[in-house]
Every structure is written in structure tokens, then in C-alpha cells.
Amino acid sequence: MARKILFGNYKNKALYIAYVAVLCALTVVCQYFLAQTGNQLLVGSVVNMFLLFATTLCGIVGGATLGCVTPFVAFLLGISKNFAQTPFVAVANLLLCVVYGVGTGLLSTNKRPVVVLNKVVYLVFGALVKFAFMYFVCVKLIFPLFMKEQMLQMLNVAWSWVQLFAALIGGTCVVLVDELLLRKRIRLA
């Protein structure tokens, strides 16, 4: 059970690594091109969708890998301008993946309504944990120690409700796609 929660259903390590690498590449490409639009909600929703999709397919380790790698790649590509924020984004992504992965992985029933409700509950809980970490811990407690007021005002908007809605939108897409595929008897994880 713990192995499934951590790594998904994969027995072949090479296949597992390939899935995580492909998901990471897709995330970075989408993030790069969508960042050109300047719409933070769109970029965040797609990135969170890939994080939770990786967590569904590859377990917590796959989702957490994606969540920790993509903020640093975004900085290297110039999508994110401030390196000081990057580790905090990685931790927030990690929290989202862990909460969603543990919550959905511990359910032992196969009854569809219960499974869907469980996914929705842990999606909302994970999104709230990510939002609380980014807004209350980072913006209100940690960043005022070393950031200028102008940057704090920008983060006060960018790391507030936008992050919560982006996680909820991305996660909703994952739950809907997973359910639609299951109705067609195609199993993601």
C-alpha cells in the first residue's frame, strides 16, 4: 500500500522514470508557452494540473519530483524572475502533491461515488494547504524579513487567492479526466 502511494502502480523502474521525465517535459513546455500570455491563473492551473496528474499516475514521488523541479526550471527559463521565491514554490507544490497523494491513496474502496468524493475532498484540502503556506507563511511571515515593500505588495496578490483557484482548477481537470477515462474503461493509475 505504501509503495503504491509513493510510486503508483509501476513495477518497471525505467518506465516509471520515463513517465516522470515526460510529464516534467510537458509541464515545462506548457508553462513556458503559457507564461507568454501573462495570465498567472492559466499558467498556475496547467502546472497544478500536471502536478496532480503526475501524483495520480506516478504516486507522491512522481508528483513531488515534478513540483520541485518545475519552479527551478521556470527560473532558469526566465518565467520566474526572483530566485528567492523558487524554493517556496517548490515546497508549496510538494505540499499539494503529498496531501492529494496520501488522501487519495489511502482509500481502500472501489465504489465510484466514494472515490470521486475522496478525490474532491483531498483536492480542496491540498489546495487550501498550498494556499495557506504560500500566503500566510511565506507572504505574511517569511518574506517581510528580507523583501522590499513593493515586491511584497505584488506577492500579496499573486500568492493569495490566485494560487488557491489555480490549484482547484487544475485539480478539477485531473479529477474530471480521470473519471471520464474510467467510464471508458481506461485506467490512469
Protein backbone atom coordinates (compact mmCIF):
# COMPACT_ATOMS: atom_id res chain seq x y z
CA MET A 1 0.00 0.00 0.00
CA ALA A 2 2.76 2.47 0.94
CA ARG A 3 4.67 1.64 -2.26
CA LYS A 4 1.57 2.37 -4.35
CA ILE A 5 1.03 5.71 -2.62
CA LEU A 6 4.67 6.67 -3.13
CA PHE A 7 5.31 5.32 -6.64
CA GLY A 8 1.96 4.44 -8.21
CA ASN A 9 1.44 1.04 -9.85
CA TYR A 10 4.76 0.84 -11.66
CA LYS A 11 6.99 -2.20 -11.22
CA ASN A 12 9.43 -1.25 -14.00
CA LYS A 13 11.79 1.48 -12.75
CA ALA A 14 12.82 2.60 -16.24
CA LEU A 15 9.19 3.04 -17.29
CA TYR A 16 8.49 4.97 -14.09
CA ILE A 17 11.41 7.33 -14.69
CA ALA A 18 10.32 7.79 -18.31
CA TYR A 19 6.78 8.75 -17.26
CA VAL A 20 8.06 11.28 -14.72
CA ALA A 21 10.51 12.72 -17.27
CA VAL A 22 7.84 13.04 -19.97
CA LEU A 23 5.41 14.70 -17.55
CA CYS A 24 8.17 17.06 -16.42
CA ALA A 25 8.99 17.98 -20.02
CA LEU A 26 5.31 18.55 -20.86
CA THR A 27 4.87 20.71 -17.79
CA VAL A 28 7.88 22.87 -18.60
CA VAL A 29 6.88 23.30 -22.25
CA CYS A 30 3.30 24.24 -21.36
CA GLN A 31 4.49 26.52 -18.58
CA TYR A 32 6.91 28.28 -20.91
CA PHE A 33 4.42 28.91 -23.71
CA LEU A 34 1.53 29.82 -21.43
CA ALA A 35 3.73 32.25 -19.49
CA GLN A 36 3.93 34.29 -22.68
CA THR A 37 0.23 35.11 -22.24
CA GLY A 38 0.92 36.78 -18.90
CA ASN A 39 -2.08 35.06 -17.33
CA GLN A 40 -0.89 33.70 -13.98
CA LEU A 41 -4.14 31.86 -13.31
CA LEU A 42 -3.89 29.96 -16.59
CA VAL A 43 -0.23 29.04 -16.07
CA GLY A 44 -0.82 28.03 -12.46
CA SER A 45 -3.86 25.93 -13.33
CA VAL A 46 -2.00 23.99 -16.01
CA VAL A 47 1.06 23.44 -13.82
CA ASN A 48 -1.10 22.28 -10.90
CA MET A 49 -2.98 20.01 -13.30
CA PHE A 50 0.28 18.35 -14.32
CA LEU A 51 1.39 18.08 -10.67
CA LEU A 52 -1.77 16.27 -9.65
CA PHE A 53 -1.79 14.24 -12.85
CA ALA A 54 1.76 13.09 -12.04
CA THR A 55 0.67 12.30 -8.48
CA THR A 56 -2.22 10.24 -9.82
CA LEU A 57 -0.05 8.36 -12.31
CA CYS A 58 3.30 8.14 -10.54
CA GLY A 59 2.47 8.50 -6.86
CA ILE A 60 3.69 11.13 -4.45
CA VAL A 61 7.32 10.78 -5.51
CA GLY A 62 6.46 11.48 -9.16
CA GLY A 63 4.26 14.46 -8.32
CA ALA A 64 6.74 15.83 -5.80
CA THR A 65 9.57 15.48 -8.30
CA LEU A 66 7.60 17.49 -10.81
CA GLY A 67 6.60 20.02 -8.16
CA CYS A 68 10.18 20.55 -7.02
CA VAL A 69 11.85 20.60 -10.45
CA THR A 70 9.49 22.88 -12.38
CA PRO A 71 9.93 26.05 -10.24
CA PHE A 72 13.70 25.90 -10.70
CA VAL A 73 13.36 25.27 -14.44
CA ALA A 74 10.91 28.18 -14.61
CA PHE A 75 13.55 30.39 -13.02
CA LEU A 76 16.23 29.17 -15.43
CA LEU A 77 13.93 29.88 -18.39
CA GLY A 78 13.13 33.37 -17.12
CA ILE A 79 9.47 32.65 -16.33
CA SER A 80 10.08 33.37 -12.66
CA LYS A 81 12.24 36.44 -12.01
CA ASN A 82 13.09 36.11 -8.31
CA PHE A 83 15.17 33.14 -7.21
CA ALA A 84 14.36 33.72 -3.52
CA GLN A 85 10.74 32.68 -4.20
CA THR A 86 11.62 29.49 -6.07
CA PRO A 87 12.25 27.14 -3.11
CA PHE A 88 9.00 28.27 -1.51
CA VAL A 89 7.05 27.47 -4.66
CA ALA A 90 8.69 24.03 -4.69
CA VAL A 91 7.66 23.40 -1.08
CA ALA A 92 4.09 24.57 -1.80
CA ASN A 93 3.89 22.21 -4.78
CA LEU A 94 5.27 19.40 -2.63
CA LEU A 95 2.57 20.02 -0.01
CA LEU A 96 -0.17 19.88 -2.64
CA CYS A 97 1.12 16.58 -4.05
CA VAL A 98 1.62 14.96 -0.64
CA VAL A 99 -1.83 15.87 0.67
CA TYR A 100 -3.58 14.77 -2.52
CA GLY A 101 -1.48 11.63 -2.93
CA VAL A 102 -1.83 10.40 0.65
CA GLY A 103 -5.53 11.24 0.83
CA THR A 104 -6.47 9.54 -2.41
CA GLY A 105 -4.05 6.65 -1.92
CA LEU A 106 -5.35 5.58 1.48
CA LEU A 107 -8.90 4.93 0.28
CA SER A 108 -9.50 1.20 0.03
CA THR A 109 -12.91 1.09 -1.67
CA ASN A 110 -13.63 0.98 -5.39
CA LYS A 111 -17.12 2.49 -5.20
CA ARG A 112 -17.03 5.32 -7.74
CA PRO A 113 -19.06 7.96 -5.83
CA VAL A 114 -16.89 7.49 -2.74
CA VAL A 115 -13.68 7.61 -4.78
CA VAL A 116 -14.73 10.80 -6.60
CA LEU A 117 -15.80 12.46 -3.35
CA ASN A 118 -12.49 11.45 -1.77
CA LYS A 119 -10.55 12.98 -4.67
CA VAL A 120 -12.53 16.21 -4.46
CA VAL A 121 -12.12 16.46 -0.67
CA TYR A 122 -8.36 15.96 -0.82
CA LEU A 123 -8.05 18.26 -3.81
CA VAL A 124 -9.72 21.04 -1.83
CA PHE A 125 -7.69 20.23 1.29
CA GLY A 126 -4.43 20.14 -0.69
CA ALA A 127 -5.26 23.43 -2.42
CA LEU A 128 -6.02 25.05 0.94
CA VAL A 129 -2.74 23.78 2.42
CA LYS A 130 -0.79 25.12 -0.56
CA PHE A 131 -2.60 28.46 -0.37
CA ALA A 132 -2.08 28.74 3.40
CA PHE A 133 1.62 28.00 3.08
CA MET A 134 2.19 30.44 0.23
CA TYR A 135 0.11 33.28 1.61
CA PHE A 136 0.25 33.09 5.39
CA VAL A 137 3.66 31.50 5.92
CA CYS A 138 5.60 33.00 3.00
CA VAL A 139 3.98 36.37 2.26
CA LYS A 140 2.96 37.30 5.79
CA LEU A 141 5.77 35.77 7.89
CA ILE A 142 8.95 34.98 5.94
CA PHE A 143 9.15 37.41 3.00
CA PRO A 144 8.73 40.61 5.08
CA LEU A 145 12.07 39.73 6.70
CA PHE A 146 14.05 40.28 3.50
CA MET A 147 11.86 41.65 0.68
CA LYS A 148 11.05 45.22 -0.20
CA GLU A 149 7.54 46.57 0.27
CA GLN A 150 6.86 46.86 -3.46
CA MET A 151 7.66 43.17 -4.02
CA LEU A 152 5.51 42.21 -1.02
CA GLN A 153 2.55 44.08 -2.46
CA MET A 154 2.88 42.19 -5.74
CA LEU A 155 3.16 38.84 -3.92
CA ASN A 156 0.20 39.78 -1.73
CA VAL A 157 -1.92 39.47 -4.90
CA ALA A 158 -0.01 36.80 -6.85
CA TRP A 159 0.32 34.39 -3.93
CA SER A 160 -3.15 34.81 -2.48
CA TRP A 161 -6.46 33.61 -3.90
CA VAL A 162 -4.96 33.14 -7.35
CA GLN A 163 -2.94 30.20 -6.02
CA LEU A 164 -5.99 28.63 -4.41
CA PHE A 165 -8.08 28.94 -7.58
CA ALA A 166 -5.23 27.69 -9.78
CA ALA A 167 -4.85 24.56 -7.66
CA LEU A 168 -8.62 23.96 -7.64
CA ILE A 169 -8.98 24.46 -11.40
CA GLY A 170 -6.02 22.23 -12.23
CA GLY A 171 -7.15 19.55 -9.81
CA THR A 172 -10.71 19.64 -11.13
CA CYS A 173 -9.37 18.95 -14.61
CA VAL A 174 -7.47 15.92 -13.29
CA VAL A 175 -10.49 14.51 -11.46
CA LEU A 176 -12.75 15.03 -14.49
CA VAL A 177 -10.31 13.47 -16.96
CA ASP A 178 -9.67 10.53 -14.66
CA GLU A 179 -13.41 9.92 -14.25
CA LEU A 180 -14.14 10.28 -17.96
CA LEU A 181 -11.40 7.79 -18.81
CA LEU A 182 -12.64 5.34 -16.15
CA ARG A 183 -16.11 5.47 -17.68
CA LYS A 184 -14.49 4.41 -20.96
CA ARG A 185 -12.61 1.69 -19.01
CA ILE A 186 -9.24 3.35 -19.45
CA ARG A 187 -7.30 3.32 -16.20
CA LEU A 188 -4.75 6.07 -15.49
CA ALA A 189 -3.37 4.74 -12.25
